[in-house]
Amino acid sequence: MSSDRRRRGLMLAVSSPSGAGKTSLCRRLMADHADLVLSVSVTTRGARPGEEHGREYHFITEPEFDRLIEQDALLEWAEVHGHRYGSPRLTVEQALQGGEDVLFDIDWQGARSIAMKAPLDTVRVFILPPSIAELRRRLYARAQDRPEVIERRVEKAKSEIERWREYDYVVVNEDFDRSYAELAHIYHAERSRRPRNVWIEDYVGRLMDERV
């Protein structure tokens, strides 16, 4: 980024029910945009084979996690299957100040927490499936879970979909390429918002000082 085109980054929080295509869309968006970085969460669970500290997660102890909560150093956190996960505030803030945008592949509770703590920096996008039947088909096609687990995911999806009104944008992922284009347009437009482009004020000042 040019030094005279300073901008403040944004936090892009993308949510969806399982199987709607959120992760695939986010991966492509990151691959296509160098200024977009994935938020790396802290977690109290141990590293799994192939995982590296600082890449998939920052692996920390329970007392360390407690200290982060006490210091209000997390934008959001949640407990999942006996382990806690959270988004560190400091690293995100440093990225935003440096002009980087931070992507959160996150559920609706996390997106709500982030938006409450940083409303001016947060953009929320909800990805919807074209139908519940198609959502179920995609989950079975992935062949990652037992049928009873998939059916529970489908039922949970309905309660998650009810949160769509909390989001700034909604994308129906019927066709991947078209949905990706919508998500990319949203991202580009939000990057161009005047308050995030702090360079404009000085630029306009120089224009006004020019002799005609």
N, C-alpha and C. Protein backbone atom coordinates (compact mmCIF):
# COMPACT_ATOMS: atom_id res chain seq x y z
N MET A 1 0.83 -1.21 0.00
CA MET A 1 0.00 0.00 0.00
C MET A 1 0.86 1.25 0.00
N SER A 2 0.54 2.23 -0.80
CA SER A 2 1.30 3.47 -0.85
C SER A 2 1.20 4.19 0.49
N SER A 3 2.31 4.80 0.91
CA SER A 3 2.34 5.47 2.22
C SER A 3 1.37 6.64 2.27
N ASP A 4 1.04 7.24 1.10
CA ASP A 4 0.10 8.36 1.11
C ASP A 4 -1.33 7.91 0.86
N ARG A 5 -1.56 6.62 0.87
CA ARG A 5 -2.92 6.08 0.72
C ARG A 5 -3.26 5.22 1.94
N ARG A 6 -3.02 5.78 3.12
CA ARG A 6 -3.25 5.04 4.36
C ARG A 6 -4.74 4.76 4.55
N ARG A 7 -5.03 3.55 4.96
CA ARG A 7 -6.42 3.19 5.24
C ARG A 7 -6.47 2.33 6.49
N ARG A 8 -7.62 2.32 7.13
CA ARG A 8 -7.84 1.43 8.27
C ARG A 8 -8.53 0.18 7.75
N GLY A 9 -8.05 -0.96 8.21
CA GLY A 9 -8.63 -2.21 7.77
C GLY A 9 -10.03 -2.42 8.34
N LEU A 10 -10.67 -3.47 7.89
CA LEU A 10 -11.99 -3.83 8.38
C LEU A 10 -12.00 -5.28 8.87
N MET A 11 -12.99 -5.61 9.66
CA MET A 11 -13.19 -6.98 10.11
C MET A 11 -14.38 -7.56 9.36
N LEU A 12 -14.14 -8.58 8.56
CA LEU A 12 -15.19 -9.21 7.78
C LEU A 12 -15.59 -10.51 8.47
N ALA A 13 -16.76 -10.51 9.08
CA ALA A 13 -17.26 -11.68 9.80
C ALA A 13 -18.27 -12.42 8.92
N VAL A 14 -17.93 -13.64 8.54
CA VAL A 14 -18.77 -14.43 7.64
C VAL A 14 -19.31 -15.64 8.40
N SER A 15 -20.62 -15.79 8.38
CA SER A 15 -21.28 -16.88 9.11
C SER A 15 -22.22 -17.63 8.18
N SER A 16 -22.54 -18.86 8.57
CA SER A 16 -23.54 -19.66 7.84
C SER A 16 -23.79 -20.93 8.62
N PRO A 17 -24.89 -21.61 8.34
CA PRO A 17 -25.06 -22.96 8.88
C PRO A 17 -24.07 -23.90 8.19
N SER A 18 -23.74 -24.98 8.86
CA SER A 18 -22.82 -25.96 8.29
C SER A 18 -23.35 -26.49 6.96
N GLY A 19 -22.49 -26.48 5.94
CA GLY A 19 -22.89 -27.00 4.63
C GLY A 19 -23.33 -25.94 3.64
N ALA A 20 -23.40 -24.68 4.07
CA ALA A 20 -23.86 -23.62 3.16
C ALA A 20 -22.74 -23.10 2.26
N GLY A 21 -21.49 -23.46 2.55
CA GLY A 21 -20.40 -23.07 1.66
C GLY A 21 -19.54 -21.93 2.14
N LYS A 22 -19.71 -21.53 3.40
CA LYS A 22 -18.96 -20.39 3.95
C LYS A 22 -17.45 -20.57 3.85
N THR A 23 -16.95 -21.72 4.27
CA THR A 23 -15.50 -21.91 4.33
C THR A 23 -14.88 -21.87 2.93
N SER A 24 -15.54 -22.48 1.95
CA SER A 24 -15.01 -22.47 0.59
C SER A 24 -14.98 -21.05 0.03
N LEU A 25 -16.02 -20.27 0.28
CA LEU A 25 -16.06 -18.89 -0.18
C LEU A 25 -14.96 -18.06 0.49
N CYS A 26 -14.76 -18.27 1.79
CA CYS A 26 -13.75 -17.51 2.51
C CYS A 26 -12.34 -17.85 2.02
N ARG A 27 -12.10 -19.12 1.74
CA ARG A 27 -10.78 -19.51 1.26
C ARG A 27 -10.47 -18.86 -0.08
N ARG A 28 -11.44 -18.81 -0.96
CA ARG A 28 -11.20 -18.19 -2.26
C ARG A 28 -11.00 -16.69 -2.10
N LEU A 29 -11.76 -16.06 -1.22
CA LEU A 29 -11.61 -14.62 -1.02
C LEU A 29 -10.21 -14.31 -0.50
N MET A 30 -9.71 -15.10 0.42
CA MET A 30 -8.37 -14.87 0.94
C MET A 30 -7.31 -15.12 -0.13
N ALA A 31 -7.50 -16.15 -0.94
CA ALA A 31 -6.53 -16.46 -1.99
C ALA A 31 -6.42 -15.33 -3.01
N ASP A 32 -7.50 -14.59 -3.21
CA ASP A 32 -7.54 -13.54 -4.22
C ASP A 32 -7.17 -12.15 -3.69
N HIS A 33 -7.01 -12.02 -2.37
CA HIS A 33 -6.78 -10.69 -1.80
C HIS A 33 -5.65 -10.74 -0.77
N ALA A 34 -4.53 -10.14 -1.12
CA ALA A 34 -3.34 -10.20 -0.28
C ALA A 34 -3.50 -9.43 1.03
N ASP A 35 -4.36 -8.41 1.05
CA ASP A 35 -4.54 -7.60 2.25
C ASP A 35 -5.53 -8.21 3.24
N LEU A 36 -6.07 -9.38 2.90
CA LEU A 36 -7.05 -10.03 3.77
C LEU A 36 -6.38 -11.18 4.50
N VAL A 37 -6.36 -11.12 5.83
CA VAL A 37 -5.72 -12.16 6.63
C VAL A 37 -6.76 -12.82 7.52
N LEU A 38 -6.54 -14.09 7.81
CA LEU A 38 -7.47 -14.84 8.65
C LEU A 38 -7.15 -14.61 10.12
N SER A 39 -8.16 -14.35 10.91
CA SER A 39 -7.97 -14.21 12.34
C SER A 39 -7.57 -15.57 12.92
N VAL A 40 -6.43 -15.61 13.61
CA VAL A 40 -5.95 -16.85 14.23
C VAL A 40 -6.36 -16.83 15.69
N SER A 41 -7.22 -17.75 16.07
CA SER A 41 -7.77 -17.78 17.42
C SER A 41 -6.79 -18.37 18.42
N VAL A 42 -7.01 -18.04 19.68
CA VAL A 42 -6.34 -18.74 20.78
C VAL A 42 -7.26 -19.87 21.21
N THR A 43 -6.69 -20.96 21.69
CA THR A 43 -7.50 -22.07 22.16
C THR A 43 -6.79 -22.80 23.29
N THR A 44 -7.59 -23.41 24.17
CA THR A 44 -7.03 -24.18 25.28
C THR A 44 -6.85 -25.65 24.93
N ARG A 45 -7.29 -26.07 23.76
CA ARG A 45 -7.09 -27.46 23.40
C ARG A 45 -5.67 -27.66 22.88
N GLY A 46 -5.22 -28.91 22.92
CA GLY A 46 -3.88 -29.22 22.43
C GLY A 46 -3.84 -29.25 20.91
N ALA A 47 -2.64 -29.10 20.38
CA ALA A 47 -2.45 -29.14 18.92
C ALA A 47 -2.67 -30.55 18.40
N ARG A 48 -3.36 -30.66 17.27
CA ARG A 48 -3.56 -31.94 16.61
C ARG A 48 -2.40 -32.20 15.65
N PRO A 49 -2.22 -33.46 15.24
CA PRO A 49 -1.12 -33.76 14.30
C PRO A 49 -1.18 -32.86 13.06
N GLY A 50 -0.04 -32.25 12.74
CA GLY A 50 0.03 -31.38 11.57
C GLY A 50 -0.24 -29.92 11.86
N GLU A 51 -0.80 -29.61 13.03
CA GLU A 51 -1.08 -28.22 13.39
C GLU A 51 0.16 -27.56 13.98
N GLU A 52 0.29 -26.25 13.72
CA GLU A 52 1.42 -25.50 14.24
C GLU A 52 0.92 -24.31 15.04
N HIS A 53 1.63 -24.04 16.15
CA HIS A 53 1.31 -22.88 16.98
C HIS A 53 1.47 -21.61 16.15
N GLY A 54 0.42 -20.78 16.12
CA GLY A 54 0.47 -19.53 15.38
C GLY A 54 -0.05 -19.65 13.97
N ARG A 55 -0.25 -20.86 13.47
CA ARG A 55 -0.78 -21.02 12.11
C ARG A 55 -2.28 -21.35 12.19
N GLU A 56 -2.62 -22.54 12.67
CA GLU A 56 -4.05 -22.87 12.84
C GLU A 56 -4.64 -22.15 14.06
N TYR A 57 -3.89 -22.21 15.18
CA TYR A 57 -4.32 -21.58 16.43
C TYR A 57 -3.08 -21.15 17.21
N HIS A 58 -3.32 -20.28 18.20
CA HIS A 58 -2.34 -20.05 19.25
C HIS A 58 -2.78 -20.93 20.42
N PHE A 59 -1.98 -21.92 20.75
CA PHE A 59 -2.34 -22.87 21.79
C PHE A 59 -1.84 -22.35 23.14
N ILE A 60 -2.78 -22.13 24.06
CA ILE A 60 -2.43 -21.55 25.36
C ILE A 60 -3.08 -22.38 26.47
N THR A 61 -2.68 -22.08 27.71
CA THR A 61 -3.19 -22.82 28.86
C THR A 61 -4.50 -22.20 29.36
N GLU A 62 -5.19 -22.95 30.21
CA GLU A 62 -6.43 -22.42 30.80
C GLU A 62 -6.18 -21.15 31.61
N PRO A 63 -5.14 -21.10 32.47
CA PRO A 63 -4.89 -19.83 33.19
C PRO A 63 -4.60 -18.67 32.26
N GLU A 64 -3.88 -18.92 31.16
CA GLU A 64 -3.61 -17.85 30.21
C GLU A 64 -4.90 -17.35 29.58
N PHE A 65 -5.80 -18.27 29.27
CA PHE A 65 -7.10 -17.87 28.69
C PHE A 65 -7.88 -17.05 29.70
N ASP A 66 -7.87 -17.48 30.97
CA ASP A 66 -8.56 -16.73 32.01
C ASP A 66 -8.04 -15.30 32.10
N ARG A 67 -6.72 -15.14 32.00
CA ARG A 67 -6.14 -13.79 32.06
C ARG A 67 -6.60 -12.92 30.90
N LEU A 68 -6.70 -13.52 29.71
CA LEU A 68 -7.16 -12.75 28.55
C LEU A 68 -8.60 -12.26 28.76
N ILE A 69 -9.44 -13.11 29.35
CA ILE A 69 -10.82 -12.71 29.63
C ILE A 69 -10.83 -11.57 30.65
N GLU A 70 -10.05 -11.71 31.71
CA GLU A 70 -10.00 -10.69 32.76
C GLU A 70 -9.53 -9.35 32.22
N GLN A 71 -8.60 -9.40 31.28
CA GLN A 71 -8.03 -8.18 30.70
C GLN A 71 -8.88 -7.62 29.55
N ASP A 72 -10.01 -8.26 29.27
CA ASP A 72 -10.86 -7.87 28.14
C ASP A 72 -10.04 -7.84 26.84
N ALA A 73 -9.17 -8.84 26.70
CA ALA A 73 -8.24 -8.89 25.57
C ALA A 73 -8.76 -9.75 24.42
N LEU A 74 -10.02 -10.21 24.52
CA LEU A 74 -10.61 -11.02 23.47
C LEU A 74 -11.82 -10.30 22.88
N LEU A 75 -11.90 -10.28 21.56
CA LEU A 75 -13.08 -9.70 20.91
C LEU A 75 -14.30 -10.58 21.12
N GLU A 76 -14.07 -11.88 21.16
CA GLU A 76 -15.14 -12.85 21.43
C GLU A 76 -14.49 -14.14 21.88
N TRP A 77 -15.27 -14.96 22.62
CA TRP A 77 -14.78 -16.28 22.96
C TRP A 77 -15.96 -17.20 23.23
N ALA A 78 -15.71 -18.50 23.13
CA ALA A 78 -16.76 -19.49 23.35
C ALA A 78 -16.11 -20.80 23.79
N GLU A 79 -16.92 -21.63 24.45
CA GLU A 79 -16.47 -22.96 24.84
C GLU A 79 -17.13 -23.98 23.93
N VAL A 80 -16.33 -24.85 23.32
CA VAL A 80 -16.82 -25.86 22.40
C VAL A 80 -16.21 -27.21 22.78
N HIS A 81 -17.06 -28.16 23.10
CA HIS A 81 -16.62 -29.51 23.45
C HIS A 81 -15.54 -29.51 24.54
N GLY A 82 -15.73 -28.66 25.55
CA GLY A 82 -14.83 -28.65 26.69
C GLY A 82 -13.57 -27.82 26.53
N HIS A 83 -13.40 -27.19 25.38
CA HIS A 83 -12.24 -26.33 25.15
C HIS A 83 -12.71 -24.93 24.79
N ARG A 84 -11.88 -23.94 25.11
CA ARG A 84 -12.26 -22.56 24.84
C ARG A 84 -11.47 -22.01 23.64
N TYR A 85 -12.17 -21.16 22.90
CA TYR A 85 -11.60 -20.53 21.72
C TYR A 85 -11.92 -19.04 21.78
N GLY A 86 -10.98 -18.20 21.32
CA GLY A 86 -11.24 -16.76 21.33
C GLY A 86 -10.41 -16.02 20.31
N SER A 87 -10.83 -14.78 20.00
CA SER A 87 -10.15 -13.94 19.02
C SER A 87 -9.41 -12.82 19.75
N PRO A 88 -8.08 -12.82 19.69
CA PRO A 88 -7.30 -11.80 20.41
C PRO A 88 -7.53 -10.41 19.85
N ARG A 89 -7.81 -9.48 20.73
CA ARG A 89 -8.09 -8.10 20.32
C ARG A 89 -6.84 -7.39 19.79
N LEU A 90 -5.68 -7.56 20.46
CA LEU A 90 -4.48 -6.80 20.13
C LEU A 90 -3.98 -7.08 18.72
N THR A 91 -3.88 -8.35 18.36
CA THR A 91 -3.37 -8.68 17.03
C THR A 91 -4.30 -8.19 15.94
N VAL A 92 -5.61 -8.24 16.19
CA VAL A 92 -6.57 -7.74 15.21
C VAL A 92 -6.44 -6.23 15.07
N GLU A 93 -6.33 -5.52 16.20
CA GLU A 93 -6.22 -4.07 16.17
C GLU A 93 -4.95 -3.64 15.44
N GLN A 94 -3.85 -4.35 15.67
CA GLN A 94 -2.61 -4.02 14.97
C GLN A 94 -2.75 -4.20 13.46
N ALA A 95 -3.45 -5.26 13.07
CA ALA A 95 -3.69 -5.50 11.65
C ALA A 95 -4.53 -4.37 11.04
N LEU A 96 -5.58 -3.97 11.73
CA LEU A 96 -6.45 -2.91 11.22
C LEU A 96 -5.69 -1.60 11.08
N GLN A 97 -4.88 -1.27 12.07
CA GLN A 97 -4.11 -0.04 12.01
C GLN A 97 -3.10 -0.06 10.88
N GLY A 98 -2.61 -1.27 10.55
CA GLY A 98 -1.65 -1.40 9.46
C GLY A 98 -2.29 -1.48 8.09
N GLY A 99 -3.62 -1.35 8.02
CA GLY A 99 -4.31 -1.37 6.75
C GLY A 99 -4.69 -2.75 6.26
N GLU A 100 -4.51 -3.77 7.12
CA GLU A 100 -4.91 -5.12 6.73
C GLU A 100 -6.36 -5.36 7.14
N ASP A 101 -7.05 -6.17 6.36
CA ASP A 101 -8.41 -6.58 6.68
C ASP A 101 -8.36 -7.97 7.30
N VAL A 102 -9.20 -8.22 8.28
CA VAL A 102 -9.18 -9.47 9.03
C VAL A 102 -10.48 -10.23 8.78
N LEU A 103 -10.34 -11.47 8.36
CA LEU A 103 -11.49 -12.32 8.07
C LEU A 103 -11.78 -13.23 9.25
N PHE A 104 -13.05 -13.28 9.64
CA PHE A 104 -13.50 -14.18 10.70
C PHE A 104 -14.49 -15.17 10.11
N ASP A 105 -14.11 -16.43 10.07
CA ASP A 105 -15.00 -17.53 9.68
C ASP A 105 -15.63 -18.00 10.98
N ILE A 106 -16.86 -17.51 11.29
CA ILE A 106 -17.32 -17.54 12.67
C ILE A 106 -18.82 -17.74 12.75
N ASP A 107 -19.31 -18.22 13.90
CA ASP A 107 -20.75 -18.42 14.06
C ASP A 107 -21.41 -17.11 14.45
N TRP A 108 -22.74 -17.13 14.55
CA TRP A 108 -23.47 -15.89 14.76
C TRP A 108 -23.18 -15.26 16.12
N GLN A 109 -22.93 -16.11 17.17
CA GLN A 109 -22.62 -15.54 18.48
C GLN A 109 -21.32 -14.76 18.44
N GLY A 110 -20.30 -15.35 17.77
CA GLY A 110 -19.03 -14.66 17.67
C GLY A 110 -19.13 -13.39 16.86
N ALA A 111 -19.88 -13.45 15.76
CA ALA A 111 -20.05 -12.26 14.92
C ALA A 111 -20.75 -11.15 15.70
N ARG A 112 -21.72 -11.53 16.52
CA ARG A 112 -22.42 -10.53 17.32
C ARG A 112 -21.47 -9.88 18.32
N SER A 113 -20.64 -10.69 18.99
CA SER A 113 -19.70 -10.16 19.98
C SER A 113 -18.71 -9.20 19.35
N ILE A 114 -18.18 -9.57 18.18
CA ILE A 114 -17.23 -8.70 17.49
C ILE A 114 -17.88 -7.38 17.11
N ALA A 115 -19.09 -7.45 16.59
CA ALA A 115 -19.80 -6.24 16.17
C ALA A 115 -20.12 -5.33 17.36
N MET A 116 -20.40 -5.92 18.52
CA MET A 116 -20.70 -5.12 19.71
C MET A 116 -19.45 -4.39 20.20
N LYS A 117 -18.27 -5.05 20.09
CA LYS A 117 -17.04 -4.44 20.61
C LYS A 117 -16.41 -3.48 19.61
N ALA A 118 -16.65 -3.70 18.33
CA ALA A 118 -16.04 -2.84 17.31
C ALA A 118 -17.04 -2.61 16.18
N PRO A 119 -18.13 -1.89 16.45
CA PRO A 119 -19.19 -1.75 15.44
C PRO A 119 -18.76 -1.03 14.17
N LEU A 120 -17.88 -0.06 14.27
CA LEU A 120 -17.48 0.69 13.08
C LEU A 120 -16.52 -0.08 12.19
N ASP A 121 -15.84 -1.07 12.76
CA ASP A 121 -14.87 -1.84 11.99
C ASP A 121 -15.44 -3.14 11.43
N THR A 122 -16.62 -3.53 11.87
CA THR A 122 -17.14 -4.86 11.54
C THR A 122 -18.15 -4.84 10.41
N VAL A 123 -17.98 -5.77 9.48
CA VAL A 123 -18.94 -6.02 8.40
C VAL A 123 -19.36 -7.47 8.51
N ARG A 124 -20.67 -7.71 8.62
CA ARG A 124 -21.16 -9.08 8.80
C ARG A 124 -21.89 -9.57 7.55
N VAL A 125 -21.52 -10.77 7.11
CA VAL A 125 -22.13 -11.38 5.93
C VAL A 125 -22.64 -12.77 6.33
N PHE A 126 -23.91 -13.03 6.00
CA PHE A 126 -24.48 -14.35 6.29
C PHE A 126 -24.69 -15.10 4.98
N ILE A 127 -24.21 -16.34 4.93
CA ILE A 127 -24.35 -17.19 3.75
C ILE A 127 -25.52 -18.15 3.96
N LEU A 128 -26.50 -18.09 3.07
CA LEU A 128 -27.68 -18.97 3.14
C LEU A 128 -27.59 -20.08 2.08
N PRO A 129 -28.12 -21.26 2.39
CA PRO A 129 -28.23 -22.30 1.35
C PRO A 129 -29.46 -22.01 0.49
N PRO A 130 -29.52 -22.57 -0.71
CA PRO A 130 -30.70 -22.35 -1.56
C PRO A 130 -31.95 -23.02 -1.00
N SER A 131 -31.77 -24.08 -0.22
CA SER A 131 -32.90 -24.77 0.41
C SER A 131 -32.34 -25.69 1.50
N ILE A 132 -33.22 -26.11 2.41
CA ILE A 132 -32.81 -27.06 3.44
C ILE A 132 -32.49 -28.41 2.81
N ALA A 133 -33.23 -28.77 1.77
CA ALA A 133 -32.97 -30.05 1.09
C ALA A 133 -31.57 -30.06 0.47
N GLU A 134 -31.18 -28.94 -0.12
CA GLU A 134 -29.84 -28.85 -0.72
C GLU A 134 -28.77 -28.84 0.36
N LEU A 135 -29.06 -28.18 1.47
CA LEU A 135 -28.12 -28.20 2.59
C LEU A 135 -27.89 -29.62 3.07
N ARG A 136 -28.97 -30.36 3.24
CA ARG A 136 -28.85 -31.76 3.66
C ARG A 136 -28.05 -32.58 2.64
N ARG A 137 -28.32 -32.34 1.35
CA ARG A 137 -27.59 -33.09 0.32
C ARG A 137 -26.10 -32.82 0.39
N ARG A 138 -25.73 -31.55 0.58
CA ARG A 138 -24.32 -31.21 0.66
C ARG A 138 -23.65 -31.86 1.86
N LEU A 139 -24.34 -31.88 2.98
CA LEU A 139 -23.77 -32.49 4.17
C LEU A 139 -23.55 -33.99 3.98
N TYR A 140 -24.51 -34.66 3.34
CA TYR A 140 -24.33 -36.09 3.07
C TYR A 140 -23.22 -36.30 2.04
N ALA A 141 -23.11 -35.41 1.06
CA ALA A 141 -22.09 -35.56 0.02
C ALA A 141 -20.69 -35.41 0.59
N ARG A 142 -20.54 -34.65 1.67
CA ARG A 142 -19.22 -34.50 2.29
C ARG A 142 -18.75 -35.78 2.95
N ALA A 143 -19.70 -36.61 3.37
CA ALA A 143 -19.41 -37.92 3.97
C ALA A 143 -18.45 -37.80 5.16
N GLN A 144 -18.64 -36.75 5.96
CA GLN A 144 -17.76 -36.54 7.11
C GLN A 144 -18.42 -36.92 8.43
N ASP A 145 -19.73 -37.11 8.43
CA ASP A 145 -20.44 -37.37 9.68
C ASP A 145 -21.44 -38.50 9.50
N ARG A 146 -21.82 -39.10 10.63
CA ARG A 146 -22.85 -40.13 10.62
C ARG A 146 -24.20 -39.48 10.32
N PRO A 147 -25.17 -40.25 9.79
CA PRO A 147 -26.48 -39.68 9.44
C PRO A 147 -27.14 -38.94 10.60
N GLU A 148 -27.05 -39.50 11.81
CA GLU A 148 -27.71 -38.83 12.94
C GLU A 148 -27.05 -37.48 13.25
N VAL A 149 -25.74 -37.39 13.04
CA VAL A 149 -25.03 -36.12 13.24
C VAL A 149 -25.46 -35.11 12.18
N ILE A 150 -25.58 -35.57 10.95
CA ILE A 150 -26.00 -34.68 9.86
C ILE A 150 -27.40 -34.14 10.13
N GLU A 151 -28.30 -34.98 10.58
CA GLU A 151 -29.66 -34.51 10.84
C GLU A 151 -29.69 -33.49 11.97
N ARG A 152 -28.81 -33.67 12.96
CA ARG A 152 -28.73 -32.67 14.03
C ARG A 152 -28.21 -31.34 13.47
N ARG A 153 -27.27 -31.42 12.54
CA ARG A 153 -26.75 -30.20 11.92
C ARG A 153 -27.84 -29.49 11.13
N VAL A 154 -28.68 -30.27 10.45
CA VAL A 154 -29.77 -29.67 9.69
C VAL A 154 -30.76 -28.96 10.61
N GLU A 155 -31.08 -29.59 11.73
CA GLU A 155 -32.00 -28.95 12.67
C GLU A 155 -31.38 -27.70 13.27
N LYS A 156 -30.08 -27.77 13.59
CA LYS A 156 -29.39 -26.60 14.13
C LYS A 156 -29.35 -25.48 13.11
N ALA A 157 -29.26 -25.84 11.82
CA ALA A 157 -29.18 -24.84 10.77
C ALA A 157 -30.38 -23.90 10.80
N LYS A 158 -31.54 -24.45 11.09
CA LYS A 158 -32.74 -23.63 11.10
C LYS A 158 -32.67 -22.54 12.17
N SER A 159 -32.15 -22.89 13.35
CA SER A 159 -32.03 -21.89 14.41
C SER A 159 -30.96 -20.85 14.06
N GLU A 160 -29.91 -21.27 13.34
CA GLU A 160 -28.87 -20.33 12.92
C GLU A 160 -29.40 -19.38 11.84
N ILE A 161 -30.17 -19.91 10.91
CA ILE A 161 -30.71 -19.09 9.83
C ILE A 161 -31.61 -17.99 10.38
N GLU A 162 -32.27 -18.24 11.50
CA GLU A 162 -33.13 -17.22 12.11
C GLU A 162 -32.38 -15.95 12.48
N ARG A 163 -31.05 -16.00 12.53
CA ARG A 163 -30.25 -14.84 12.92
C ARG A 163 -29.89 -13.94 11.74
N TRP A 164 -30.42 -14.21 10.56
CA TRP A 164 -30.00 -13.49 9.35
C TRP A 164 -30.20 -11.98 9.47
N ARG A 165 -31.19 -11.55 10.23
CA ARG A 165 -31.46 -10.11 10.33
C ARG A 165 -30.35 -9.33 11.03
N GLU A 166 -29.47 -10.01 11.74
CA GLU A 166 -28.40 -9.33 12.46
C GLU A 166 -27.25 -8.94 11.53
N TYR A 167 -27.30 -9.38 10.28
CA TYR A 167 -26.17 -9.21 9.37
C TYR A 167 -26.37 -8.03 8.42
N ASP A 168 -25.25 -7.48 7.97
CA ASP A 168 -25.29 -6.35 7.03
C ASP A 168 -25.65 -6.81 5.62
N TYR A 169 -25.21 -8.02 5.27
CA TYR A 169 -25.44 -8.56 3.94
C TYR A 169 -25.82 -10.04 4.05
N VAL A 170 -26.62 -10.48 3.09
CA VAL A 170 -27.01 -11.90 3.01
C VAL A 170 -26.76 -12.38 1.58
N VAL A 171 -26.07 -13.50 1.44
CA VAL A 171 -25.77 -14.08 0.14
C VAL A 171 -26.36 -15.49 0.10
N VAL A 172 -27.17 -15.78 -0.91
CA VAL A 172 -27.72 -17.12 -1.09
C VAL A 172 -26.77 -17.90 -1.99
N ASN A 173 -26.14 -18.92 -1.43
CA ASN A 173 -25.12 -19.67 -2.16
C ASN A 173 -25.74 -20.81 -2.96
N GLU A 174 -26.37 -20.43 -4.08
CA GLU A 174 -26.92 -21.44 -4.99
C GLU A 174 -25.89 -21.82 -6.05
N ASP A 175 -25.20 -20.82 -6.56
CA ASP A 175 -24.12 -21.04 -7.53
C ASP A 175 -22.85 -20.46 -6.94
N PHE A 176 -21.80 -21.27 -6.79
CA PHE A 176 -20.60 -20.84 -6.07
C PHE A 176 -19.96 -19.61 -6.71
N ASP A 177 -19.75 -19.62 -8.01
CA ASP A 177 -19.08 -18.50 -8.67
C ASP A 177 -19.86 -17.20 -8.51
N ARG A 178 -21.17 -17.28 -8.67
CA ARG A 178 -21.98 -16.08 -8.52
C ARG A 178 -21.97 -15.59 -7.06
N SER A 179 -22.03 -16.52 -6.13
CA SER A 179 -21.99 -16.15 -4.71
C SER A 179 -20.64 -15.55 -4.34
N TYR A 180 -19.58 -16.12 -4.90
CA TYR A 180 -18.26 -15.56 -4.62
C TYR A 180 -18.16 -14.13 -5.17
N ALA A 181 -18.69 -13.91 -6.36
CA ALA A 181 -18.67 -12.57 -6.94
C ALA A 181 -19.41 -11.58 -6.04
N GLU A 182 -20.54 -11.99 -5.48
CA GLU A 182 -21.29 -11.13 -4.56
C GLU A 182 -20.46 -10.81 -3.32
N LEU A 183 -19.83 -11.85 -2.75
CA LEU A 183 -19.03 -11.64 -1.55
C LEU A 183 -17.85 -10.72 -1.84
N ALA A 184 -17.20 -10.91 -2.97
CA ALA A 184 -16.07 -10.06 -3.34
C ALA A 184 -16.52 -8.62 -3.56
N HIS A 185 -17.69 -8.41 -4.18
CA HIS A 185 -18.21 -7.05 -4.38
C HIS A 185 -18.48 -6.37 -3.04
N ILE A 186 -19.04 -7.12 -2.10
CA ILE A 186 -19.29 -6.58 -0.76
C ILE A 186 -17.98 -6.14 -0.12
N TYR A 187 -17.00 -7.00 -0.20
CA TYR A 187 -15.70 -6.71 0.40
C TYR A 187 -15.06 -5.48 -0.24
N HIS A 188 -15.09 -5.40 -1.55
CA HIS A 188 -14.49 -4.26 -2.24
C HIS A 188 -15.21 -2.96 -1.87
N ALA A 189 -16.53 -3.00 -1.82
CA ALA A 189 -17.29 -1.80 -1.48
C ALA A 189 -16.99 -1.33 -0.06
N GLU A 190 -16.90 -2.27 0.87
CA GLU A 190 -16.64 -1.90 2.25
C GLU A 190 -15.22 -1.35 2.43
N ARG A 191 -14.28 -1.86 1.65
CA ARG A 191 -12.91 -1.32 1.68
C ARG A 191 -12.88 0.14 1.24
N SER A 192 -13.83 0.52 0.39
CA SER A 192 -13.82 1.87 -0.18
C SER A 192 -14.59 2.88 0.66
N ARG A 193 -15.18 2.46 1.77
CA ARG A 193 -15.93 3.41 2.59
C ARG A 193 -15.02 4.56 3.04
N ARG A 194 -15.57 5.77 2.98
CA ARG A 194 -14.79 6.96 3.30
C ARG A 194 -14.10 6.91 4.66
N PRO A 195 -14.78 6.56 5.76
CA PRO A 195 -14.10 6.60 7.06
C PRO A 195 -12.87 5.69 7.15
N ARG A 196 -12.84 4.61 6.34
CA ARG A 196 -11.69 3.69 6.41
C ARG A 196 -10.49 4.20 5.61
N ASN A 197 -10.71 5.12 4.71
CA ASN A 197 -9.64 5.63 3.86
C ASN A 197 -9.18 6.99 4.38
N VAL A 198 -8.31 6.92 5.39
CA VAL A 198 -7.92 8.14 6.10
C VAL A 198 -7.06 9.06 5.24
N TRP A 199 -6.56 8.56 4.12
CA TRP A 199 -5.72 9.36 3.23
C TRP A 199 -6.52 10.42 2.47
N ILE A 200 -7.83 10.24 2.38
CA ILE A 200 -8.63 11.12 1.51
C ILE A 200 -8.61 12.56 2.00
N GLU A 201 -8.65 12.76 3.31
CA GLU A 201 -8.70 14.13 3.84
C GLU A 201 -7.48 14.92 3.41
N ASP A 202 -6.28 14.35 3.57
CA ASP A 202 -5.07 15.04 3.14
C ASP A 202 -5.05 15.24 1.63
N TYR A 203 -5.53 14.23 0.91
CA TYR A 203 -5.55 14.31 -0.55
C TYR A 203 -6.44 15.46 -1.02
N VAL A 204 -7.62 15.54 -0.44
CA VAL A 204 -8.53 16.63 -0.81
C VAL A 204 -7.94 17.98 -0.42
N GLY A 205 -7.24 18.01 0.73
CA GLY A 205 -6.59 19.25 1.14
C GLY A 205 -5.57 19.72 0.12
N ARG A 206 -4.80 18.79 -0.44
CA ARG A 206 -3.82 19.16 -1.47
C ARG A 206 -4.50 19.64 -2.74
N LEU A 207 -5.63 19.00 -3.08
CA LEU A 207 -6.38 19.46 -4.25
C LEU A 207 -6.86 20.89 -4.08
N MET A 208 -7.36 21.19 -2.88
CA MET A 208 -7.88 22.53 -2.63
C MET A 208 -6.78 23.59 -2.62
N ASP A 209 -5.55 23.17 -2.31
CA ASP A 209 -4.43 24.12 -2.27
C ASP A 209 -3.81 24.37 -3.65
N GLU A 210 -4.18 23.55 -4.63
CA GLU A 210 -3.61 23.73 -5.96
C GLU A 210 -4.08 25.05 -6.58
N ARG A 211 -3.17 25.67 -7.29
CA ARG A 211 -3.53 26.89 -8.02
C ARG A 211 -4.17 26.51 -9.34
N VAL A 212 -5.27 27.13 -9.65
CA VAL A 212 -5.98 26.83 -10.90
C VAL A 212 -5.40 27.68 -12.02
